[in-house]
PDB file of N, CA and C in Angstrom:
ATOM      1  N   MET A   1      55.697  79.685 -81.580  1.00  0.00           N
ATOM      2  CA  MET A   1      54.585  80.334 -81.492  1.00  0.00           C
ATOM      3  C   MET A   1      54.170  81.182 -82.599  1.00  0.00           C
ATOM      4  N   GLN A   2      54.641  82.540 -82.855  1.00  0.00           N
ATOM      5  CA  GLN A   2      54.717  83.137 -84.152  1.00  0.00           C
ATOM      6  C   GLN A   2      54.733  82.384 -85.717  1.00  0.00           C
ATOM      7  N   ARG A   3      55.395  81.281 -85.544  1.00  0.00           N
ATOM      8  CA  ARG A   3      55.297  80.527 -86.757  1.00  0.00           C
ATOM      9  C   ARG A   3      53.893  80.133 -87.096  1.00  0.00           C
ATOM     10  N   LYS A   4      53.617  79.292 -86.025  1.00  0.00           N
ATOM     11  CA  LYS A   4      52.308  78.753 -86.010  1.00  0.00           C
ATOM     12  C   LYS A   4      51.030  79.858 -86.378  1.00  0.00           C
ATOM     13  N   ILE A   5      51.344  80.861 -85.805  1.00  0.00           N
ATOM     14  CA  ILE A   5      49.990  81.884 -86.043  1.00  0.00           C
ATOM     15  C   ILE A   5      50.404  82.445 -87.548  1.00  0.00           C
ATOM     16  N   TYR A   6      51.385  82.604 -87.778  1.00  0.00           N
ATOM     17  CA  TYR A   6      52.002  82.681 -89.351  1.00  0.00           C
ATOM     18  C   TYR A   6      51.145  81.778 -90.249  1.00  0.00           C
ATOM     19  N   GLN A   7      51.486  80.475 -89.947  1.00  0.00           N
ATOM     20  CA  GLN A   7      50.897  79.639 -90.933  1.00  0.00           C
ATOM     21  C   GLN A   7      49.392  79.370 -90.875  1.00  0.00           C
ATOM     22  N   ASP A   8      49.004  80.019 -89.685  1.00  0.00           N
ATOM     23  CA  ASP A   8      47.351  79.537 -89.480  1.00  0.00           C
ATOM     24  C   ASP A   8      46.828  81.094 -90.450  1.00  0.00           C
ATOM     25  N   LEU A   9      47.237  82.161 -90.289  1.00  0.00           N
ATOM     26  CA  LEU A   9      47.446  83.283 -91.265  1.00  0.00           C
ATOM     27  C   LEU A   9      47.106  82.990 -92.513  1.00  0.00           C
ATOM     28  N   LEU A  10      48.166  82.322 -93.234  1.00  0.00           N
ATOM     29  CA  LEU A  10      48.469  82.084 -94.480  1.00  0.00           C
ATOM     30  C   LEU A  10      47.274  80.789 -94.839  1.00  0.00           C
ATOM     31  N   VAL A  11      47.160  79.992 -94.206  1.00  0.00           N
ATOM     32  CA  VAL A  11      45.983  78.857 -94.722  1.00  0.00           C
ATOM     33  C   VAL A  11      44.667  79.524 -94.795  1.00  0.00           C
ATOM     34  N   GLN A  12      44.356  80.765 -93.700  1.00  0.00           N
ATOM     35  CA  GLN A  12      43.095  81.167 -93.766  1.00  0.00           C
ATOM     36  C   GLN A  12      42.797  82.248 -95.154  1.00  0.00           C
ATOM     37  N   GLN A  13      44.119  82.761 -95.361  1.00  0.00           N
ATOM     38  CA  GLN A  13      44.106  83.583 -96.504  1.00  0.00           C
ATOM     39  C   GLN A  13      43.812  82.977 -97.908  1.00  0.00           C
ATOM     40  N   LEU A  14      44.313  81.485 -97.847  1.00  0.00           N
ATOM     41  CA  LEU A  14      44.584  81.002 -99.135  1.00  0.00           C
ATOM     42  C   LEU A  14      42.937  80.373 -99.128  1.00  0.00           C
ATOM     43  N   ARG A  15      42.471  79.983 -98.076  1.00  0.00           N
ATOM     44  CA  ARG A  15      41.187  79.281 -98.198  1.00  0.00           C
ATOM     45  C   ARG A  15      39.914  80.489 -98.705  1.00  0.00           C
ATOM     46  N   SER A  16      40.330  81.615 -98.108  1.00  0.00           N
ATOM     47  CA  SER A  16      39.394  82.975 -98.738  1.00  0.00           C
ATOM     48  C   SER A  16      39.493  83.301-100.273  1.00  0.00           C
ATOM     49  N   LYS A  17      40.995  83.238-100.818  1.00  0.00           N
ATOM     50  CA  LYS A  17      40.981  83.404-102.118  1.00  0.00           C
ATOM     51  C   LYS A  17      40.297  82.141-102.834  1.00  0.00           C
ATOM     52  N   TRP A  18      40.621  81.080-102.392  1.00  0.00           N
ATOM     53  CA  TRP A  18      39.858  79.898-102.925  1.00  0.00           C
ATOM     54  C   TRP A  18      38.519  79.970-103.026  1.00  0.00           C
ATOM     55  N   LYS A  19      38.048  80.316-102.336  1.00  0.00           N
ATOM     56  CA  LYS A  19      36.262  80.472-102.204  1.00  0.00           C
ATOM     57  C   LYS A  19      35.781  81.881-103.071  1.00  0.00           C
ATOM     58  N   LYS A  20      36.390  83.017-102.593  1.00  0.00           N
ATOM     59  CA  LYS A  20      36.320  84.106-103.464  1.00  0.00           C
ATOM     60  C   LYS A  20      36.596  83.942-104.755  1.00  0.00           C
ATOM     61  N   GLN A  21      37.576  83.385-105.444  1.00  0.00           N
ATOM     62  CA  GLN A  21      37.977  83.292-106.675  1.00  0.00           C
ATOM     63  C   GLN A  21      37.668  82.053-107.151  1.00  0.00           C
ATOM     64  N   TYR A  22      38.383  81.002-107.153  1.00  0.00           N
ATOM     65  CA  TYR A  22      38.052  79.876-108.054  1.00  0.00           C
ATOM     66  C   TYR A  22      36.877  79.211-107.851  1.00  0.00           C
ATOM     67  N   ILE A  23      36.178  79.005-106.487  1.00  0.00           N
ATOM     68  CA  ILE A  23      34.856  78.360-106.370  1.00  0.00           C
ATOM     69  C   ILE A  23      33.712  79.310-107.098  1.00  0.00           C
ATOM     70  N   MET A  24      33.765  80.464-106.894  1.00  0.00           N
ATOM     71  CA  MET A  24      32.693  81.405-107.280  1.00  0.00           C
ATOM     72  C   MET A  24      32.747  81.238-108.724  1.00  0.00           C
ATOM     73  N   ASP A  25      33.937  81.274-109.166  1.00  0.00           N
ATOM     74  CA  ASP A  25      34.426  81.088-110.787  1.00  0.00           C
ATOM     75  C   ASP A  25      33.451  80.086-111.467  1.00  0.00           C
ATOM     76  N   LEU A  26      33.983  79.050-110.767  1.00  0.00           N
ATOM     77  CA  LEU A  26      33.695  77.582-111.224  1.00  0.00           C
ATOM     78  C   LEU A  26      32.019  77.421-111.119  1.00  0.00           C
ATOM     79  N   ARG A  27      31.259  78.033-109.847  1.00  0.00           N
ATOM     80  CA  ARG A  27      29.839  77.959-109.992  1.00  0.00           C
ATOM     81  C   ARG A  27      29.099  78.847-110.854  1.00  0.00           C
ATOM     82  N   ASN A  28      29.800  79.934-111.422  1.00  0.00           N
ATOM     83  CA  ASN A  28      29.453  80.806-112.330  1.00  0.00           C
ATOM     84  C   ASN A  28      29.446  80.191-113.855  1.00  0.00           C
ATOM     85  N   SER A  29      30.725  79.482-113.786  1.00  0.00           N
ATOM     86  CA  SER A  29      30.951  78.528-115.088  1.00  0.00           C
ATOM     87  C   SER A  29      29.873  77.372-115.508  1.00  0.00           C
ATOM     88  N   HIS A  30      29.663  76.715-114.375  1.00  0.00           N
ATOM     89  CA  HIS A  30      28.562  75.894-114.505  1.00  0.00           C
ATOM     90  C   HIS A  30      27.361  76.213-114.584  1.00  0.00           C
ATOM     91  N   ALA A  31      26.952  77.602-114.200  1.00  0.00           N
ATOM     92  CA  ALA A  31      25.533  78.190-114.247  1.00  0.00           C
ATOM     93  C   ALA A  31      25.258  78.447-115.629  1.00  0.00           C
ATOM     94  N   LEU A  32      26.519  78.527-116.563  1.00  0.00           N
ATOM     95  CA  LEU A  32      26.419  79.161-117.916  1.00  0.00           C
ATOM     96  C   LEU A  32      26.193  77.565-118.711  1.00  0.00           C
ATOM     97  N   LYS A  33      27.099  76.664-118.482  1.00  0.00           N
ATOM     98  CA  LYS A  33      26.949  75.227-119.065  1.00  0.00           C
ATOM     99  C   LYS A  33      25.543  74.719-118.530  1.00  0.00           C
ATOM    100  N   ASN A  34      24.859  74.843-117.629  1.00  0.00           N
ATOM    101  CA  ASN A  34      23.608  74.236-116.998  1.00  0.00           C
ATOM    102  C   ASN A  34      22.576  74.785-118.287  1.00  0.00           C
ATOM    103  N   LEU A  35      22.817  75.794-119.095  1.00  0.00           N
ATOM    104  CA  LEU A  35      21.735  76.402-119.862  1.00  0.00           C
ATOM    105  C   LEU A  35      21.454  75.082-120.719  1.00  0.00           C
ATOM    106  N   ASN A  36      22.576  74.213-121.054  1.00  0.00           N
ATOM    107  CA  ASN A  36      22.439  73.097-121.990  1.00  0.00           C
ATOM    108  C   ASN A  36      22.637  71.940-120.889  1.00  0.00           C
ATOM    109  N   PRO A  37      21.685  71.128-120.461  1.00  0.00           N
ATOM    110  CA  PRO A  37      21.732  70.042-119.568  1.00  0.00           C
ATOM    111  C   PRO A  37      22.373  69.050-119.522  1.00  0.00           C
ATOM    112  N   GLN A  38      23.367  68.814-120.856  1.00  0.00           N
ATOM    113  CA  GLN A  38      24.393  67.944-121.057  1.00  0.00           C
ATOM    114  C   GLN A  38      25.579  68.160-119.911  1.00  0.00           C
ATOM    115  N   ARG A  39      25.666  67.049-119.196  1.00  0.00           N
ATOM    116  CA  ARG A  39      26.815  66.980-118.378  1.00  0.00           C
ATOM    117  C   ARG A  39      28.000  66.133-118.990  1.00  0.00           C
ATOM    118  N   ASN A  40      29.167  66.589-119.076  1.00  0.00           N
ATOM    119  CA  ASN A  40      30.506  65.923-119.839  1.00  0.00           C
ATOM    120  C   ASN A  40      31.200  65.297-118.857  1.00  0.00           C
ATOM    121  N   ILE A  41      30.851  64.577-117.953  1.00  0.00           N
ATOM    122  CA  ILE A  41      31.760  64.165-116.991  1.00  0.00           C
ATOM    123  C   ILE A  41      32.140  62.549-117.649  1.00  0.00           C
ATOM    124  N   LYS A  42      33.760  62.365-117.458  1.00  0.00           N
ATOM    125  CA  LYS A  42      34.466  61.434-118.350  1.00  0.00           C
ATOM    126  C   LYS A  42      35.239  60.655-117.116  1.00  0.00           C
ATOM    127  N   ILE A  43      35.701  59.897-117.675  1.00  0.00           N
ATOM    128  CA  ILE A  43      36.466  58.920-116.395  1.00  0.00           C
ATOM    129  C   ILE A  43      37.984  59.621-116.299  1.00  0.00           C
ATOM    130  N   ASP A  44      38.173  59.641-115.069  1.00  0.00           N
ATOM    131  CA  ASP A  44      39.589  60.497-114.607  1.00  0.00           C
ATOM    132  C   ASP A  44      39.232  61.851-114.431  1.00  0.00           C
ATOM    133  N   ASP A  45      38.011  62.582-114.355  1.00  0.00           N
ATOM    134  CA  ASP A  45      37.448  63.847-114.084  1.00  0.00           C
ATOM    135  C   ASP A  45      37.861  63.846-112.624  1.00  0.00           C
ATOM    136  N   VAL A  46      38.374  64.927-112.263  1.00  0.00           N
ATOM    137  CA  VAL A  46      38.402  65.208-110.776  1.00  0.00           C
ATOM    138  C   VAL A  46      37.224  66.214-110.252  1.00  0.00           C
ATOM    139  N   VAL A  47      36.325  65.741-109.516  1.00  0.00           N
ATOM    140  CA  VAL A  47      35.009  66.216-109.046  1.00  0.00           C
ATOM    141  C   VAL A  47      34.958  66.608-107.663  1.00  0.00           C
ATOM    142  N   LEU A  48      34.223  67.727-107.329  1.00  0.00           N
ATOM    143  CA  LEU A  48      33.698  68.235-105.974  1.00  0.00           C
ATOM    144  C   LEU A  48      32.640  67.388-105.838  1.00  0.00           C
ATOM    145  N   ILE A  49      32.509  66.450-104.576  1.00  0.00           N
ATOM    146  CA  ILE A  49      31.460  65.952-104.349  1.00  0.00           C
ATOM    147  C   ILE A  49      30.280  66.645-103.264  1.00  0.00           C
ATOM    148  N   GLU A  50      29.192  66.864-103.805  1.00  0.00           N
ATOM    149  CA  GLU A  50      28.204  67.903-103.077  1.00  0.00           C
ATOM    150  C   GLU A  50      27.994  67.197-101.598  1.00  0.00           C
ATOM    151  N   GLY A  51      28.076  67.501-100.746  1.00  0.00           N
ATOM    152  CA  GLY A  51      27.925  67.117 -98.993  1.00  0.00           C
ATOM    153  C   GLY A  51      26.574  67.689 -98.470  1.00  0.00           C
ATOM    154  N   ASP A  52      26.516  67.213 -97.050  1.00  0.00           N
ATOM    155  CA  ASP A  52      25.623  67.518 -96.115  1.00  0.00           C
ATOM    156  C   ASP A  52      26.178  69.294 -95.752  1.00  0.00           C
ATOM    157  N   ASN A  53      27.386  69.503 -95.827  1.00  0.00           N
ATOM    158  CA  ASN A  53      28.159  70.683 -95.680  1.00  0.00           C
ATOM    159  C   ASN A  53      27.622  71.737 -96.641  1.00  0.00           C
ATOM    160  N   LYS A  54      27.344  72.928 -96.284  1.00  0.00           N
ATOM    161  CA  LYS A  54      26.718  73.981 -96.875  1.00  0.00           C
ATOM    162  C   LYS A  54      28.133  74.700 -97.810  1.00  0.00           C
ATOM    163  N   SER A  55      28.811  74.839 -97.216  1.00  0.00           N
ATOM    164  CA  SER A  55      30.161  75.305 -97.652  1.00  0.00           C
ATOM    165  C   SER A  55      30.917  74.393 -98.265  1.00  0.00           C
ATOM    166  N   LYS A  56      31.125  75.077 -99.798  1.00  0.00           N
ATOM    167  CA  LYS A  56      31.946  74.148-100.990  1.00  0.00           C
ATOM    168  C   LYS A  56      33.585  73.935-100.523  1.00  0.00           C
ATOM    169  N   LEU A  57      33.889  74.774 -99.548  1.00  0.00           N
ATOM    170  CA  LEU A  57      35.269  74.434 -98.888  1.00  0.00           C
ATOM    171  C   LEU A  57      35.439  73.092 -98.574  1.00  0.00           C
ATOM    172  N   LEU A  58      34.283  72.476 -97.799  1.00  0.00           N
ATOM    173  CA  LEU A  58      34.304  71.193 -97.013  1.00  0.00           C
ATOM    174  C   LEU A  58      33.960  70.114 -97.834  1.00  0.00           C
ATOM    175  N   TRP A  59      33.335  70.125 -99.026  1.00  0.00           N
ATOM    176  CA  TRP A  59      33.072  69.092 -99.672  1.00  0.00           C
ATOM    177  C   TRP A  59      34.272  68.471-100.188  1.00  0.00           C
ATOM    178  N   ARG A  60      33.877  67.221-100.527  1.00  0.00           N
ATOM    179  CA  ARG A  60      35.096  66.298-100.724  1.00  0.00           C
ATOM    180  C   ARG A  60      35.665  66.049-102.276  1.00  0.00           C
ATOM    181  N   LEU A  61      36.960  65.933-102.300  1.00  0.00           N
ATOM    182  CA  LEU A  61      37.481  65.625-103.921  1.00  0.00           C
ATOM    183  C   LEU A  61      37.004  63.987-104.302  1.00  0.00           C
ATOM    184  N   GLY A  62      37.065  63.750-105.473  1.00  0.00           N
ATOM    185  CA  GLY A  62      37.010  62.593-105.851  1.00  0.00           C
ATOM    186  C   GLY A  62      37.380  62.569-107.146  1.00  0.00           C
ATOM    187  N   ARG A  63      37.715  61.414-107.832  1.00  0.00           N
ATOM    188  CA  ARG A  63      38.027  60.843-109.171  1.00  0.00           C
ATOM    189  C   ARG A  63      37.154  59.854-109.512  1.00  0.00           C
ATOM    190  N   VAL A  64      36.937  60.237-110.895  1.00  0.00           N
ATOM    191  CA  VAL A  64      35.606  59.258-111.620  1.00  0.00           C
ATOM    192  C   VAL A  64      36.593  58.193-112.228  1.00  0.00           C
ATOM    193  N   ILE A  65      36.028  56.876-111.852  1.00  0.00           N
ATOM    194  CA  ILE A  65      36.414  55.857-111.934  1.00  0.00           C
ATOM    195  C   ILE A  65      35.385  54.724-113.035  1.00  0.00           C
ATOM    196  N   GLN A  66      34.259  55.410-112.980  1.00  0.00           N
ATOM    197  CA  GLN A  66      33.440  54.684-113.807  1.00  0.00           C
ATOM    198  C   GLN A  66      32.379  55.453-114.198  1.00  0.00           C
ATOM    199  N   VAL A  67      31.717  55.481-115.216  1.00  0.00           N
ATOM    200  CA  VAL A  67      30.491  56.252-115.378  1.00  0.00           C
ATOM    201  C   VAL A  67      29.509  55.152-115.709  1.00  0.00           C
ATOM    202  N   LEU A  68      28.258  55.583-115.255  1.00  0.00           N
ATOM    203  CA  LEU A  68      26.977  54.711-115.221  1.00  0.00           C
ATOM    204  C   LEU A  68      26.079  55.233-115.834  1.00  0.00           C
ATOM    205  N   PRO A  69      25.372  55.010-117.043  1.00  0.00           N
ATOM    206  CA  PRO A  69      24.612  55.394-118.090  1.00  0.00           C
ATOM    207  C   PRO A  69      23.123  54.969-117.727  1.00  0.00           C
ATOM    208  N   GLY A  70      22.356  56.042-117.950  1.00  0.00           N
ATOM    209  CA  GLY A  70      20.938  55.493-117.696  1.00  0.00           C
ATOM    210  C   GLY A  70      20.382  54.872-119.019  1.00  0.00           C
ATOM    211  N   ARG A  71      19.104  54.617-119.292  1.00  0.00           N
ATOM    212  CA  ARG A  71      18.263  53.938-120.278  1.00  0.00           C
ATOM    213  C   ARG A  71      18.595  54.556-121.450  1.00  0.00           C
ATOM    214  N   ASP A  72      18.584  55.916-121.476  1.00  0.00           N
ATOM    215  CA  ASP A  72      18.630  56.430-122.599  1.00  0.00           C
ATOM    216  C   ASP A  72      19.880  56.878-123.256  1.00  0.00           C
ATOM    217  N   GLY A  73      21.121  56.195-122.454  1.00  0.00           N
ATOM    218  CA  GLY A  73      22.400  56.322-122.794  1.00  0.00           C
ATOM    219  C   GLY A  73      23.369  57.533-122.303  1.00  0.00           C
ATOM    220  N   GLY A  74      22.546  58.400-121.602  1.00  0.00           N
ATOM    221  CA  GLY A  74      23.387  59.678-121.051  1.00  0.00           C
ATOM    222  C   GLY A  74      23.856  59.278-119.709  1.00  0.00           C
ATOM    223  N   VAL A  75      24.746  59.848-119.038  1.00  0.00           N
ATOM    224  CA  VAL A  75      25.589  59.643-117.909  1.00  0.00           C
ATOM    225  C   VAL A  75      24.533  60.383-116.806  1.00  0.00           C
ATOM    226  N   ARG A  76      24.345  59.154-116.060  1.00  0.00           N
ATOM    227  CA  ARG A  76      23.204  59.611-114.977  1.00  0.00           C
ATOM    228  C   ARG A  76      23.938  59.487-113.506  1.00  0.00           C
ATOM    229  N   SER A  77      24.990  58.511-113.542  1.00  0.00           N
ATOM    230  CA  SER A  77      25.668  58.499-112.048  1.00  0.00           C
ATOM    231  C   SER A  77      27.312  58.216-112.394  1.00  0.00           C
ATOM    232  N   CYS A  78      28.033  58.037-111.392  1.00  0.00           N
ATOM    233  CA  CYS A  78      29.351  57.799-111.715  1.00  0.00           C
ATOM    234  C   CYS A  78      29.785  57.347-110.176  1.00  0.00           C
ATOM    235  N   LEU A  79      30.843  55.915-110.470  1.00  0.00           N
ATOM    236  CA  LEU A  79      31.593  55.739-109.676  1.00  0.00           C
ATOM    237  C   LEU A  79      32.747  56.519-109.157  1.00  0.00           C
ATOM    238  N   LEU A  80      33.119  56.935-108.113  1.00  0.00           N
ATOM    239  CA  LEU A  80      34.222  57.695-107.498  1.00  0.00           C
ATOM    240  C   LEU A  80      35.125  57.033-106.465  1.00  0.00           C
ATOM    241  N   LYS A  81      36.681  57.537-106.673  1.00  0.00           N
ATOM    242  CA  LYS A  81      37.355  57.089-105.729  1.00  0.00           C
ATOM    243  C   LYS A  81      37.728  58.247-104.921  1.00  0.00           C
ATOM    244  N   THR A  82      37.440  58.293-103.447  1.00  0.00           N
ATOM    245  CA  THR A  82      37.877  59.203-102.943  1.00  0.00           C
ATOM    246  C   THR A  82      39.151  58.984-101.703  1.00  0.00           C
ATOM    247  N   SER A  83      39.439  59.821-100.927  1.00  0.00           N
ATOM    248  CA  SER A  83      40.623  59.590 -99.929  1.00  0.00           C
ATOM    249  C   SER A  83      40.080  58.198 -98.906  1.00  0.00           C
ATOM    250  N   VAL A  84      38.232  58.144 -98.691  1.00  0.00           N
ATOM    251  CA  VAL A  84      38.001  57.202 -97.524  1.00  0.00           C
ATOM    252  C   VAL A  84      37.409  56.096 -98.494  1.00  0.00           C
ATOM    253  N   GLY A  85      37.760  55.817 -99.752  1.00  0.00           N
ATOM    254  CA  GLY A  85      36.980  54.897-100.526  1.00  0.00           C
ATOM    255  C   GLY A  85      36.277  54.845-101.742  1.00  0.00           C
ATOM    256  N   THR A  86      35.265  54.038-101.939  1.00  0.00           N
ATOM    257  CA  THR A  86      34.714  54.280-103.406  1.00  0.00           C
ATOM    258  C   THR A  86      33.040  54.675-103.026  1.00  0.00           C
ATOM    259  N   LEU A  87      32.495  55.512-104.051  1.00  0.00           N
ATOM    260  CA  LEU A  87      31.311  56.044-103.781  1.00  0.00           C
ATOM    261  C   LEU A  87      30.576  55.899-105.158  1.00  0.00           C
ATOM    262  N   LYS A  88      29.148  55.479-104.906  1.00  0.00           N
ATOM    263  CA  LYS A  88      28.393  55.927-106.238  1.00  0.00           C
ATOM    264  C   LYS A  88      27.518  57.360-105.868  1.00  0.00           C
ATOM    265  N   ARG A  89      27.475  58.278-106.532  1.00  0.00           N
ATOM    266  CA  ARG A  89      27.093  59.373-106.634  1.00  0.00           C
ATOM    267  C   ARG A  89      26.420  59.996-108.011  1.00  0.00           C
ATOM    268  N   PRO A  90      25.442  60.295-108.106  1.00  0.00           N
ATOM    269  CA  PRO A  90      24.263  60.925-109.205  1.00  0.00           C
ATOM    270  C   PRO A  90      25.234  62.257-109.748  1.00  0.00           C
ATOM    271  N   VAL A  91      24.995  62.510-111.058  1.00  0.00           N
ATOM    272  CA  VAL A  91      25.793  63.554-111.613  1.00  0.00           C
ATOM    273  C   VAL A  91      25.293  64.831-111.254  1.00  0.00           C
ATOM    274  N   GLN A  92      23.979  64.920-110.707  1.00  0.00           N
ATOM    275  CA  GLN A  92      23.438  66.184-110.052  1.00  0.00           C
ATOM    276  C   GLN A  92      23.949  66.853-108.617  1.00  0.00           C
ATOM    277  N   LEU A  93      24.907  65.953-108.052  1.00  0.00           N
ATOM    278  CA  LEU A  93      25.782  66.191-107.010  1.00  0.00           C
ATOM    279  C   LEU A  93      27.108  66.173-106.933  1.00  0.00           C
ATOM    280  N   LEU A  94      27.606  66.245-108.424  1.00  0.00           N
ATOM    281  CA  LEU A  94      28.917  66.623-108.663  1.00  0.00           C
ATOM    282  C   LEU A  94      29.353  67.879-109.540  1.00  0.00           C
ATOM    283  N   CYS A  95      30.458  68.478-109.310  1.00  0.00           N
ATOM    284  CA  CYS A  95      30.712  69.624-109.756  1.00  0.00           C
ATOM    285  C   CYS A  95      31.969  69.371-110.213  1.00  0.00           C
ATOM    286  N   PRO A  96      32.373  69.355-111.628  1.00  0.00           N
ATOM    287  CA  PRO A  96      33.709  68.921-112.435  1.00  0.00           C
ATOM    288  C   PRO A  96      34.550  70.197-111.922  1.00  0.00           C
ATOM    289  N   LEU A  97      35.683  69.971-111.590  1.00  0.00           N
ATOM    290  CA  LEU A  97      36.761  71.004-111.460  1.00  0.00           C
ATOM    291  C   LEU A  97      37.463  70.888-113.092  1.00  0.00           C
ATOM    292  N   GLU A  98      38.151  72.091-113.600  1.00  0.00           N
ATOM    293  CA  GLU A  98      38.211  72.405-114.685  1.00  0.00           C
ATOM    294  C   GLU A  98      39.683  71.602-115.046  1.00  0.00           C
ATOM    295  N   LEU A  99      40.129  70.715-114.172  1.00  0.00           N
ATOM    296  CA  LEU A  99      41.215  69.974-114.514  1.00  0.00           C
ATOM    297  C   LEU A  99      41.282  68.906-115.630  1.00  0.00           C
ATOM    298  N   GLN A 100      42.690  68.679-116.171  1.00  0.00           N
ATOM    299  CA  GLN A 100      42.092  67.798-117.352  1.00  0.00           C
ATOM    300  C   GLN A 100      43.512  66.337-116.890  1.00  0.00           C
ATOM    301  N   ASN A 101      43.120  65.578-117.318  1.00  0.00           N
ATOM    302  CA  ASN A 101      43.927  64.588-117.058  1.00  0.00           C
ATOM    303  C   ASN A 101      45.206  64.692-118.061  1.00  0.00           C
ATOM    304  N   LEU A 102      46.308  65.506-117.684  1.00  0.00           N
ATOM    305  CA  LEU A 102      47.423  65.888-118.459  1.00  0.00           C
ATOM    306  C   LEU A 102      48.682  64.647-118.503  1.00  0.00           C
ATOM    307  N   GLN A 103      49.030  64.490-119.705  1.00  0.00           N
ATOM    308  CA  GLN A 103      50.046  63.568-119.896  1.00  0.00           C
ATOM    309  C   GLN A 103      51.449  64.357-120.169  1.00  0.00           C
ATOM    310  N   ILE A 104      52.161  64.381-119.384  1.00  0.00           N
ATOM    311  CA  ILE A 104      53.618  65.151-119.171  1.00  0.00           C
ATOM    312  C   ILE A 104      54.690  64.112-119.248  1.00  0.00           C
ATOM    313  N   SER A 105      55.576  64.398-120.221  1.00  0.00           N
ATOM    314  CA  SER A 105      56.605  63.389-120.420  1.00  0.00           C
ATOM    315  C   SER A 105      57.563  64.343-120.422  1.00  0.00           C
ATOM    316  N   PHE A 106      58.989  63.693-119.704  1.00  0.00           N
ATOM    317  CA  PHE A 106      60.010  64.119-119.754  1.00  0.00           C
ATOM    318  C   PHE A 106      61.275  63.906-120.642  1.00  0.00           C
ATOM    319  N   PRO A 107      62.294  64.660-120.832  1.00  0.00           N
ATOM    320  CA  PRO A 107      63.265  64.063-121.751  1.00  0.00           C
ATOM    321  C   PRO A 107      63.998  62.971-120.568  1.00  0.00           C
ATOM    322  N   ILE A 108      64.637  61.649-121.429  1.00  0.00           N
ATOM    323  CA  ILE A 108      65.156  60.743-120.523  1.00  0.00           C
ATOM    324  C   ILE A 108      66.372  61.152-119.684  1.00  0.00           C
ATOM    325  N   ASN A 109      67.125  62.144-120.490  1.00  0.00           N
ATOM    326  CA  ASN A 109      68.366  62.548-120.064  1.00  0.00           C
ATOM    327  C   ASN A 109      68.541  63.771-119.148  1.00  0.00           C
ATOM    328  N   LEU A 110      67.269  63.849-118.451  1.00  0.00           N
ATOM    329  CA  LEU A 110      66.852  64.821-117.514  1.00  0.00           C
ATOM    330  C   LEU A 110      67.611  64.595-116.271  1.00  0.00           C
ATOM    331  N   THR A 111      68.365  65.738-115.680  1.00  0.00           N
ATOM    332  CA  THR A 111      68.954  65.154-114.156  1.00  0.00           C
ATOM    333  C   THR A 111      68.518  66.167-113.334  1.00  0.00           C
ATOM    334  N   PHE A 112      68.338  65.699-111.860  1.00  0.00           N
ATOM    335  CA  PHE A 112      67.622  66.745-111.010  1.00  0.00           C
ATOM    336  C   PHE A 112      68.929  66.987-109.915  1.00  0.00           C
ATOM    337  N   TYR A 113      68.892  68.066-109.391  1.00  0.00           N
ATOM    338  CA  TYR A 113      70.033  68.562-108.672  1.00  0.00           C
ATOM    339  C   TYR A 113      69.494  68.530-106.960  1.00  0.00           C
TER     340      TYR A 113
END
């Protein structure tokens, strides 16, 4: 019983830190970037998908699998892969995370214990 209470406390602390530190910094970063209205969403970017929930902690994550340009050639909407399927959303409802698609290679002779 005490273990479950401890685990719940850790999850609550993690969510609190995530909300206070990362999400707020991400919002501030995007506020500064929005001075230049061009959005740089690319294929394989990980994004938060704005939903009906006011709390960003409850927004879903998605990965961009296709960008859909408008008549002017700028990205206007994206096709996203989520845990529940594929969605099409306008870029105004997407908040790109700072993650990049990193390719990490390991030496062939690497052994794991």
